[in-house]
PDB file of N, CA and C in Angstrom:
ATOM      1  N   PRO A   1     -25.942   8.300  -0.439  1.00  0.00           N
ATOM      2  CA  PRO A   1     -24.140   8.718  -0.928  1.00  0.00           C
ATOM      3  C   PRO A   1     -24.671  10.322  -1.209  1.00  0.00           C
ATOM      4  N   ASN A   2     -23.511  11.370  -0.897  1.00  0.00           N
ATOM      5  CA  ASN A   2     -23.565  12.532  -1.190  1.00  0.00           C
ATOM      6  C   ASN A   2     -22.741  12.905  -2.447  1.00  0.00           C
ATOM      7  N   ARG A   3     -22.499  13.597  -2.685  1.00  0.00           N
ATOM      8  CA  ARG A   3     -22.614  13.725  -4.228  1.00  0.00           C
ATOM      9  C   ARG A   3     -21.160  13.554  -5.130  1.00  0.00           C
ATOM     10  N   ALA A   4     -20.238  13.733  -3.538  1.00  0.00           N
ATOM     11  CA  ALA A   4     -18.937  13.630  -3.980  1.00  0.00           C
ATOM     12  C   ALA A   4     -18.983  12.568  -3.876  1.00  0.00           C
ATOM     13  N   GLU A   5     -19.470  11.684  -3.062  1.00  0.00           N
ATOM     14  CA  GLU A   5     -19.197   9.692  -3.227  1.00  0.00           C
ATOM     15  C   GLU A   5     -20.075   9.358  -4.730  1.00  0.00           C
ATOM     16  N   LYS A   6     -20.748  10.077  -5.147  1.00  0.00           N
ATOM     17  CA  LYS A   6     -21.878   9.440  -6.240  1.00  0.00           C
ATOM     18  C   LYS A   6     -20.583   9.577  -7.200  1.00  0.00           C
ATOM     19  N   ALA A   7     -20.157  10.959  -7.597  1.00  0.00           N
ATOM     20  CA  ALA A   7     -18.979  10.762  -8.157  1.00  0.00           C
ATOM     21  C   ALA A   7     -17.526  10.111  -8.667  1.00  0.00           C
ATOM     22  N   ASP A   8     -17.260   9.514  -7.279  1.00  0.00           N
ATOM     23  CA  ASP A   8     -16.088   9.002  -6.796  1.00  0.00           C
ATOM     24  C   ASP A   8     -16.466   7.489  -7.380  1.00  0.00           C
ATOM     25  N   ARG A   9     -18.443   6.933  -6.970  1.00  0.00           N
ATOM     26  CA  ARG A   9     -18.226   5.517  -7.470  1.00  0.00           C
ATOM     27  C   ARG A   9     -17.965   4.895  -8.560  1.00  0.00           C
ATOM     28  N   PRO A  10     -17.952   5.660  -9.584  1.00  0.00           N
ATOM     29  CA  PRO A  10     -17.763   4.739 -11.380  1.00  0.00           C
ATOM     30  C   PRO A  10     -16.090   4.717 -11.364  1.00  0.00           C
ATOM     31  N   ILE A  11     -15.442   5.537 -10.719  1.00  0.00           N
ATOM     32  CA  ILE A  11     -13.930   5.944 -10.681  1.00  0.00           C
ATOM     33  C   ILE A  11     -13.758   4.033  -9.811  1.00  0.00           C
ATOM     34  N   HIS A  12     -14.102   4.292  -8.928  1.00  0.00           N
ATOM     35  CA  HIS A  12     -13.839   3.538  -7.784  1.00  0.00           C
ATOM     36  C   HIS A  12     -14.186   1.889  -8.265  1.00  0.00           C
ATOM     37  N   GLU A  13     -15.064   1.419  -9.147  1.00  0.00           N
ATOM     38  CA  GLU A  13     -15.521   0.618  -9.755  1.00  0.00           C
ATOM     39  C   GLU A  13     -14.143  -0.071 -10.976  1.00  0.00           C
ATOM     40  N   ILE A  14     -13.974   1.120 -11.660  1.00  0.00           N
ATOM     41  CA  ILE A  14     -12.866   0.996 -12.225  1.00  0.00           C
ATOM     42  C   ILE A  14     -11.800   0.535 -12.099  1.00  0.00           C
ATOM     43  N   GLY A  15     -11.392   1.282 -10.782  1.00  0.00           N
ATOM     44  CA  GLY A  15     -10.370   0.617  -9.821  1.00  0.00           C
ATOM     45  C   GLY A  15     -10.147  -0.555  -9.518  1.00  0.00           C
ATOM     46  N   HIS A  16     -11.573  -1.246  -9.159  1.00  0.00           N
ATOM     47  CA  HIS A  16     -11.446  -2.625  -8.666  1.00  0.00           C
ATOM     48  C   HIS A  16     -11.347  -3.632  -9.824  1.00  0.00           C
ATOM     49  N   PHE A  17     -11.890  -2.874 -11.376  1.00  0.00           N
ATOM     50  CA  PHE A  17     -11.736  -3.899 -12.629  1.00  0.00           C
ATOM     51  C   PHE A  17     -10.251  -3.922 -13.120  1.00  0.00           C
ATOM     52  N   LEU A  18      -9.269  -2.902 -13.057  1.00  0.00           N
ATOM     53  CA  LEU A  18      -8.211  -2.526 -13.283  1.00  0.00           C
ATOM     54  C   LEU A  18      -7.284  -4.136 -12.212  1.00  0.00           C
ATOM     55  N   LEU A  19      -7.939  -3.395 -11.243  1.00  0.00           N
ATOM     56  CA  LEU A  19      -6.814  -4.032  -9.650  1.00  0.00           C
ATOM     57  C   LEU A  19      -6.890  -5.626  -9.603  1.00  0.00           C
ATOM     58  N   HIS A  20      -8.202  -5.929  -9.596  1.00  0.00           N
ATOM     59  CA  HIS A  20      -8.387  -7.135  -9.006  1.00  0.00           C
ATOM     60  C   HIS A  20      -9.060  -7.982 -10.255  1.00  0.00           C
ATOM     61  N   THR A  21      -9.072  -7.948 -11.392  1.00  0.00           N
ATOM     62  CA  THR A  21      -9.829  -8.997 -12.064  1.00  0.00           C
ATOM     63  C   THR A  21      -8.979  -9.467 -12.159  1.00  0.00           C
ATOM     64  N   PRO A  22      -9.357 -11.168 -12.199  1.00  0.00           N
ATOM     65  CA  PRO A  22      -8.842 -11.991 -12.256  1.00  0.00           C
ATOM     66  C   PRO A  22      -8.523 -12.333 -13.697  1.00  0.00           C
ATOM     67  N   ASP A  23      -7.592 -12.977 -14.226  1.00  0.00           N
ATOM     68  CA  ASP A  23      -7.303 -13.560 -15.281  1.00  0.00           C
ATOM     69  C   ASP A  23      -7.864 -13.972 -16.536  1.00  0.00           C
ATOM     70  N   SER A  24      -9.138 -14.395 -15.962  1.00  0.00           N
ATOM     71  CA  SER A  24     -10.294 -15.363 -16.543  1.00  0.00           C
ATOM     72  C   SER A  24     -11.108 -14.507 -16.587  1.00  0.00           C
ATOM     73  N   GLY A  25     -10.837 -13.233 -16.527  1.00  0.00           N
ATOM     74  CA  GLY A  25     -12.286 -12.138 -17.043  1.00  0.00           C
ATOM     75  C   GLY A  25     -13.213 -11.828 -15.934  1.00  0.00           C
ATOM     76  N   ALA A  26     -13.691 -10.724 -16.163  1.00  0.00           N
ATOM     77  CA  ALA A  26     -14.595 -10.022 -14.886  1.00  0.00           C
ATOM     78  C   ALA A  26     -15.385 -11.201 -14.587  1.00  0.00           C
ATOM     79  N   THR A  27     -16.039 -10.862 -12.887  1.00  0.00           N
ATOM     80  CA  THR A  27     -16.686 -11.079 -12.240  1.00  0.00           C
ATOM     81  C   THR A  27     -17.592 -10.071 -11.520  1.00  0.00           C
ATOM     82  N   ALA A  28     -18.313 -10.769 -10.865  1.00  0.00           N
ATOM     83  CA  ALA A  28     -18.972  -9.908  -9.400  1.00  0.00           C
ATOM     84  C   ALA A  28     -19.555 -10.955  -8.296  1.00  0.00           C
ATOM     85  N   ASN A  29     -19.262  -9.542  -7.522  1.00  0.00           N
ATOM     86  CA  ASN A  29     -18.903 -10.325  -5.915  1.00  0.00           C
ATOM     87  C   ASN A  29     -19.762  -9.785  -4.873  1.00  0.00           C
ATOM     88  N   PHE A  30     -20.854  -9.843  -4.156  1.00  0.00           N
ATOM     89  CA  PHE A  30     -21.213  -9.021  -3.779  1.00  0.00           C
ATOM     90  C   PHE A  30     -21.420  -9.919  -2.196  1.00  0.00           C
ATOM     91  N   HIS A  31     -20.585 -10.628  -1.793  1.00  0.00           N
ATOM     92  CA  HIS A  31     -20.407 -11.130  -0.744  1.00  0.00           C
ATOM     93  C   HIS A  31     -19.795  -9.946  -0.015  1.00  0.00           C
ATOM     94  N   GLY A  32     -20.286  -9.845   1.388  1.00  0.00           N
ATOM     95  CA  GLY A  32     -19.516  -8.993   2.090  1.00  0.00           C
ATOM     96  C   GLY A  32     -19.645  -7.133   1.986  1.00  0.00           C
ATOM     97  N   VAL A  33     -20.234  -6.983   0.992  1.00  0.00           N
ATOM     98  CA  VAL A  33     -20.697  -5.352   0.204  1.00  0.00           C
ATOM     99  C   VAL A  33     -20.680  -4.427   1.570  1.00  0.00           C
ATOM    100  N   GLY A  34     -19.916  -3.363   1.492  1.00  0.00           N
ATOM    101  CA  GLY A  34     -19.698  -2.590   2.609  1.00  0.00           C
ATOM    102  C   GLY A  34     -18.440  -2.725   3.512  1.00  0.00           C
ATOM    103  N   ARG A  35     -17.824  -3.833   3.629  1.00  0.00           N
ATOM    104  CA  ARG A  35     -16.917  -3.855   4.965  1.00  0.00           C
ATOM    105  C   ARG A  35     -15.610  -3.585   3.985  1.00  0.00           C
ATOM    106  N   ARG A  36     -14.637  -3.256   4.834  1.00  0.00           N
ATOM    107  CA  ARG A  36     -13.563  -2.483   4.042  1.00  0.00           C
ATOM    108  C   ARG A  36     -12.650  -3.768   3.921  1.00  0.00           C
ATOM    109  N   THR A  37     -12.745  -4.181   2.776  1.00  0.00           N
ATOM    110  CA  THR A  37     -11.568  -4.972   2.754  1.00  0.00           C
ATOM    111  C   THR A  37     -10.662  -4.412   2.015  1.00  0.00           C
ATOM    112  N   ARG A  38      -9.189  -5.024   1.609  1.00  0.00           N
ATOM    113  CA  ARG A  38      -8.046  -4.756   1.534  1.00  0.00           C
ATOM    114  C   ARG A  38      -8.467  -4.498   0.040  1.00  0.00           C
ATOM    115  N   GLN A  39      -9.068  -4.902  -1.020  1.00  0.00           N
ATOM    116  CA  GLN A  39      -9.447  -4.564  -1.984  1.00  0.00           C
ATOM    117  C   GLN A  39     -10.541  -3.127  -2.110  1.00  0.00           C
ATOM    118  N   GLU A  40     -11.660  -3.015  -1.143  1.00  0.00           N
ATOM    119  CA  GLU A  40     -12.059  -1.537  -1.368  1.00  0.00           C
ATOM    120  C   GLU A  40     -11.293  -0.649  -0.662  1.00  0.00           C
ATOM    121  N   ILE A  41     -10.301  -0.951  -0.070  1.00  0.00           N
ATOM    122  CA  ILE A  41      -9.033   0.549   0.440  1.00  0.00           C
ATOM    123  C   ILE A  41      -8.638   0.811  -1.050  1.00  0.00           C
ATOM    124  N   GLU A  42      -8.282  -0.626  -1.512  1.00  0.00           N
ATOM    125  CA  GLU A  42      -7.018  -0.281  -3.024  1.00  0.00           C
ATOM    126  C   GLU A  42      -7.896   0.566  -3.994  1.00  0.00           C
ATOM    127  N   ALA A  43      -8.999  -0.305  -4.253  1.00  0.00           N
ATOM    128  CA  ALA A  43     -10.286   0.735  -4.892  1.00  0.00           C
ATOM    129  C   ALA A  43     -10.534   2.182  -4.952  1.00  0.00           C
ATOM    130  N   ASP A  44     -10.467   2.547  -3.551  1.00  0.00           N
ATOM    131  CA  ASP A  44     -10.839   3.813  -3.078  1.00  0.00           C
ATOM    132  C   ASP A  44      -9.515   4.730  -3.178  1.00  0.00           C
ATOM    133  N   ALA A  45      -8.339   3.994  -3.387  1.00  0.00           N
ATOM    134  CA  ALA A  45      -6.778   4.905  -3.392  1.00  0.00           C
ATOM    135  C   ALA A  45      -6.992   4.965  -4.453  1.00  0.00           C
ATOM    136  N   PHE A  46      -7.596   4.079  -5.682  1.00  0.00           N
ATOM    137  CA  PHE A  46      -7.338   4.237  -7.391  1.00  0.00           C
ATOM    138  C   PHE A  46      -8.528   5.777  -7.662  1.00  0.00           C
ATOM    139  N   ALA A  47      -9.771   5.750  -6.716  1.00  0.00           N
ATOM    140  CA  ALA A  47     -10.320   6.908  -7.004  1.00  0.00           C
ATOM    141  C   ALA A  47      -9.472   8.141  -6.836  1.00  0.00           C
ATOM    142  N   LEU A  48      -9.718   7.925  -5.729  1.00  0.00           N
ATOM    143  CA  LEU A  48      -8.961   9.546  -4.855  1.00  0.00           C
ATOM    144  C   LEU A  48      -7.506  10.181  -6.179  1.00  0.00           C
ATOM    145  N   CYS A  49      -6.405   9.094  -6.526  1.00  0.00           N
ATOM    146  CA  CYS A  49      -5.442   9.506  -7.309  1.00  0.00           C
ATOM    147  C   CYS A  49      -6.268   9.735  -8.500  1.00  0.00           C
ATOM    148  N   ALA A  50      -7.225   9.688  -9.100  1.00  0.00           N
ATOM    149  CA  ALA A  50      -7.707   9.435 -10.343  1.00  0.00           C
ATOM    150  C   ALA A  50      -8.539  10.817 -10.256  1.00  0.00           C
ATOM    151  N   LEU A  51      -9.484  11.254  -9.458  1.00  0.00           N
ATOM    152  CA  LEU A  51     -10.050  12.326  -9.225  1.00  0.00           C
ATOM    153  C   LEU A  51      -9.296  13.504  -8.625  1.00  0.00           C
ATOM    154  N   ILE A  52      -8.175  13.406  -7.893  1.00  0.00           N
ATOM    155  CA  ILE A  52      -7.745  14.166  -7.543  1.00  0.00           C
ATOM    156  C   ILE A  52      -5.754  14.040  -7.833  1.00  0.00           C
ATOM    157  N   PRO A  53      -5.179  14.156  -9.264  1.00  0.00           N
ATOM    158  CA  PRO A  53      -3.670  13.942  -9.312  1.00  0.00           C
ATOM    159  C   PRO A  53      -2.778  14.218  -8.403  1.00  0.00           C
ATOM    160  N   ARG A  54      -1.795  13.546  -8.580  1.00  0.00           N
ATOM    161  CA  ARG A  54      -0.666  14.223  -7.110  1.00  0.00           C
ATOM    162  C   ARG A  54      -0.001  15.964  -7.504  1.00  0.00           C
ATOM    163  N   LEU A  55       0.223  15.954  -8.943  1.00  0.00           N
ATOM    164  CA  LEU A  55       0.334  17.103  -9.711  1.00  0.00           C
ATOM    165  C   LEU A  55      -0.683  18.358  -8.464  1.00  0.00           C
ATOM    166  N   MET A  56      -1.597  18.116  -9.128  1.00  0.00           N
ATOM    167  CA  MET A  56      -2.799  19.096  -8.728  1.00  0.00           C
ATOM    168  C   MET A  56      -2.152  19.534  -7.292  1.00  0.00           C
ATOM    169  N   LEU A  57      -2.370  18.613  -6.460  1.00  0.00           N
ATOM    170  CA  LEU A  57      -1.932  18.027  -4.436  1.00  0.00           C
ATOM    171  C   LEU A  57      -0.557  19.381  -4.623  1.00  0.00           C
ATOM    172  N   GLU A  58       0.306  19.117  -5.820  1.00  0.00           N
ATOM    173  CA  GLU A  58       1.521  19.446  -5.344  1.00  0.00           C
ATOM    174  C   GLU A  58       1.847  20.985  -6.197  1.00  0.00           C
ATOM    175  N   ASP A  59       1.026  21.535  -7.172  1.00  0.00           N
ATOM    176  CA  ASP A  59       0.521  22.513  -7.312  1.00  0.00           C
ATOM    177  C   ASP A  59      -0.203  23.844  -6.774  1.00  0.00           C
ATOM    178  N   ARG A  60      -1.173  23.179  -5.984  1.00  0.00           N
ATOM    179  CA  ARG A  60      -2.231  24.592  -5.712  1.00  0.00           C
ATOM    180  C   ARG A  60      -2.046  24.173  -3.911  1.00  0.00           C
ATOM    181  N   THR A  61      -2.942  25.009  -3.499  1.00  0.00           N
ATOM    182  CA  THR A  61      -2.880  24.838  -2.018  1.00  0.00           C
ATOM    183  C   THR A  61      -4.839  24.344  -1.559  1.00  0.00           C
ATOM    184  N   ILE A  62      -4.734  23.926  -0.549  1.00  0.00           N
ATOM    185  CA  ILE A  62      -5.723  23.125   0.248  1.00  0.00           C
ATOM    186  C   ILE A  62      -7.255  24.130  -0.575  1.00  0.00           C
ATOM    187  N   ASP A  63      -6.835  25.735   0.283  1.00  0.00           N
ATOM    188  CA  ASP A  63      -8.092  26.316   0.281  1.00  0.00           C
ATOM    189  C   ASP A  63      -8.352  26.385  -1.800  1.00  0.00           C
ATOM    190  N   GLU A  64      -7.368  26.328  -2.044  1.00  0.00           N
ATOM    191  CA  GLU A  64      -8.061  26.830  -3.788  1.00  0.00           C
ATOM    192  C   GLU A  64      -8.501  25.614  -4.156  1.00  0.00           C
ATOM    193  N   LEU A  65      -8.042  24.451  -3.608  1.00  0.00           N
ATOM    194  CA  LEU A  65      -8.915  23.119  -4.153  1.00  0.00           C
ATOM    195  C   LEU A  65      -9.965  23.048  -3.980  1.00  0.00           C
ATOM    196  N   VAL A  66     -10.096  23.224  -2.473  1.00  0.00           N
ATOM    197  CA  VAL A  66     -11.988  23.329  -1.958  1.00  0.00           C
ATOM    198  C   VAL A  66     -13.233  24.683  -2.973  1.00  0.00           C
ATOM    199  N   ASN A  67     -12.284  25.950  -2.635  1.00  0.00           N
ATOM    200  CA  ASN A  67     -13.201  26.804  -3.561  1.00  0.00           C
ATOM    201  C   ASN A  67     -13.392  26.580  -5.052  1.00  0.00           C
ATOM    202  N   ASP A  68     -12.495  25.310  -5.818  1.00  0.00           N
ATOM    203  CA  ASP A  68     -12.433  24.927  -6.906  1.00  0.00           C
ATOM    204  C   ASP A  68     -14.250  23.961  -6.568  1.00  0.00           C
ATOM    205  N   GLY A  69     -14.549  23.451  -5.813  1.00  0.00           N
ATOM    206  CA  GLY A  69     -15.777  22.628  -5.486  1.00  0.00           C
ATOM    207  C   GLY A  69     -15.149  21.169  -5.439  1.00  0.00           C
ATOM    208  N   ILE A  70     -14.024  20.971  -4.698  1.00  0.00           N
ATOM    209  CA  ILE A  70     -13.387  19.641  -3.990  1.00  0.00           C
ATOM    210  C   ILE A  70     -13.678  19.435  -2.979  1.00  0.00           C
ATOM    211  N   ASP A  71     -14.842  18.327  -2.911  1.00  0.00           N
ATOM    212  CA  ASP A  71     -14.851  17.842  -1.472  1.00  0.00           C
ATOM    213  C   ASP A  71     -14.329  17.731  -0.240  1.00  0.00           C
ATOM    214  N   PRO A  72     -14.316  18.937   1.063  1.00  0.00           N
ATOM    215  CA  PRO A  72     -13.462  18.899   1.893  1.00  0.00           C
ATOM    216  C   PRO A  72     -12.751  17.441   2.365  1.00  0.00           C
ATOM    217  N   GLU A  73     -13.916  17.011   2.485  1.00  0.00           N
ATOM    218  CA  GLU A  73     -13.830  15.455   3.025  1.00  0.00           C
ATOM    219  C   GLU A  73     -13.039  14.370   1.727  1.00  0.00           C
ATOM    220  N   ILE A  74     -13.387  14.330   0.995  1.00  0.00           N
ATOM    221  CA  ILE A  74     -12.680  13.552  -0.133  1.00  0.00           C
ATOM    222  C   ILE A  74     -11.130  13.976  -0.355  1.00  0.00           C
ATOM    223  N   LEU A  75     -11.055  15.563  -0.270  1.00  0.00           N
ATOM    224  CA  LEU A  75      -9.464  16.034  -0.418  1.00  0.00           C
ATOM    225  C   LEU A  75      -8.760  15.308   0.883  1.00  0.00           C
ATOM    226  N   SER A  76      -9.313  15.591   2.401  1.00  0.00           N
ATOM    227  CA  SER A  76      -8.807  15.353   3.211  1.00  0.00           C
ATOM    228  C   SER A  76      -8.082  13.972   3.443  1.00  0.00           C
ATOM    229  N   GLU A  77      -9.304  12.771   2.632  1.00  0.00           N
ATOM    230  CA  GLU A  77      -8.622  10.974   2.489  1.00  0.00           C
ATOM    231  C   GLU A  77      -7.241  11.593   1.175  1.00  0.00           C
ATOM    232  N   ARG A  78      -7.428  12.301   0.290  1.00  0.00           N
ATOM    233  CA  ARG A  78      -6.145  12.336  -0.607  1.00  0.00           C
ATOM    234  C   ARG A  78      -5.161  12.700  -0.280  1.00  0.00           C
ATOM    235  N   VAL A  79      -5.363  13.761   0.670  1.00  0.00           N
ATOM    236  CA  VAL A  79      -4.020  14.526   1.594  1.00  0.00           C
ATOM    237  C   VAL A  79      -3.467  13.426   2.180  1.00  0.00           C
ATOM    238  N   ASN A  80      -3.913  12.557   2.747  1.00  0.00           N
ATOM    239  CA  ASN A  80      -3.883  11.402   4.050  1.00  0.00           C
ATOM    240  C   ASN A  80      -3.052  10.876   3.175  1.00  0.00           C
ATOM    241  N   LEU A  81      -3.239   9.894   1.812  1.00  0.00           N
ATOM    242  CA  LEU A  81      -2.951   9.435   1.202  1.00  0.00           C
ATOM    243  C   LEU A  81      -1.270   9.747   0.128  1.00  0.00           C
ATOM    244  N   TYR A  82      -1.305  10.976   0.239  1.00  0.00           N
ATOM    245  CA  TYR A  82      -0.045  11.224  -0.398  1.00  0.00           C
ATOM    246  C   TYR A  82       0.971  11.915   0.526  1.00  0.00           C
ATOM    247  N   ARG A  83       0.312  12.098   2.112  1.00  0.00           N
ATOM    248  CA  ARG A  83       1.171  12.187   3.198  1.00  0.00           C
ATOM    249  C   ARG A  83       1.816  10.623   3.322  1.00  0.00           C
ATOM    250  N   LEU A  84       1.044   9.661   3.437  1.00  0.00           N
ATOM    251  CA  LEU A  84       1.439   8.256   3.561  1.00  0.00           C
ATOM    252  C   LEU A  84       2.541   7.682   2.937  1.00  0.00           C
ATOM    253  N   TYR A  85       2.053   7.818   1.032  1.00  0.00           N
ATOM    254  CA  TYR A  85       2.687   7.163   0.453  1.00  0.00           C
ATOM    255  C   TYR A  85       3.425   7.728  -0.722  1.00  0.00           C
ATOM    256  N   SER A  86       2.801   9.524  -0.736  1.00  0.00           N
ATOM    257  CA  SER A  86       3.602   9.936  -1.613  1.00  0.00           C
ATOM    258  C   SER A  86       2.961   9.569  -3.242  1.00  0.00           C
ATOM    259  N   ILE A  87       1.275   9.564  -3.153  1.00  0.00           N
ATOM    260  CA  ILE A  87       1.037   9.184  -4.447  1.00  0.00           C
ATOM    261  C   ILE A  87       0.360  10.046  -4.537  1.00  0.00           C
TER     262      ILE A  87
END
């Protein structure tokens, strides 16, 4: 994983905990690791929104965000979320 993916990973896992933990408590499931399940997509979206809040997208230009060190690939994914869902 590149530097941006490593930074995103802990927040992605927090997203799983907040969005997908059953009422009976936390569990670990490594079945299908690497597959793009709905839960993986949701956790990725959570991480992107936490790393790059909506107001940051609305207040800054793409060039400013990239110049501040935000990975262009991650920024592109975040902008797509914003355009599709306004989040």
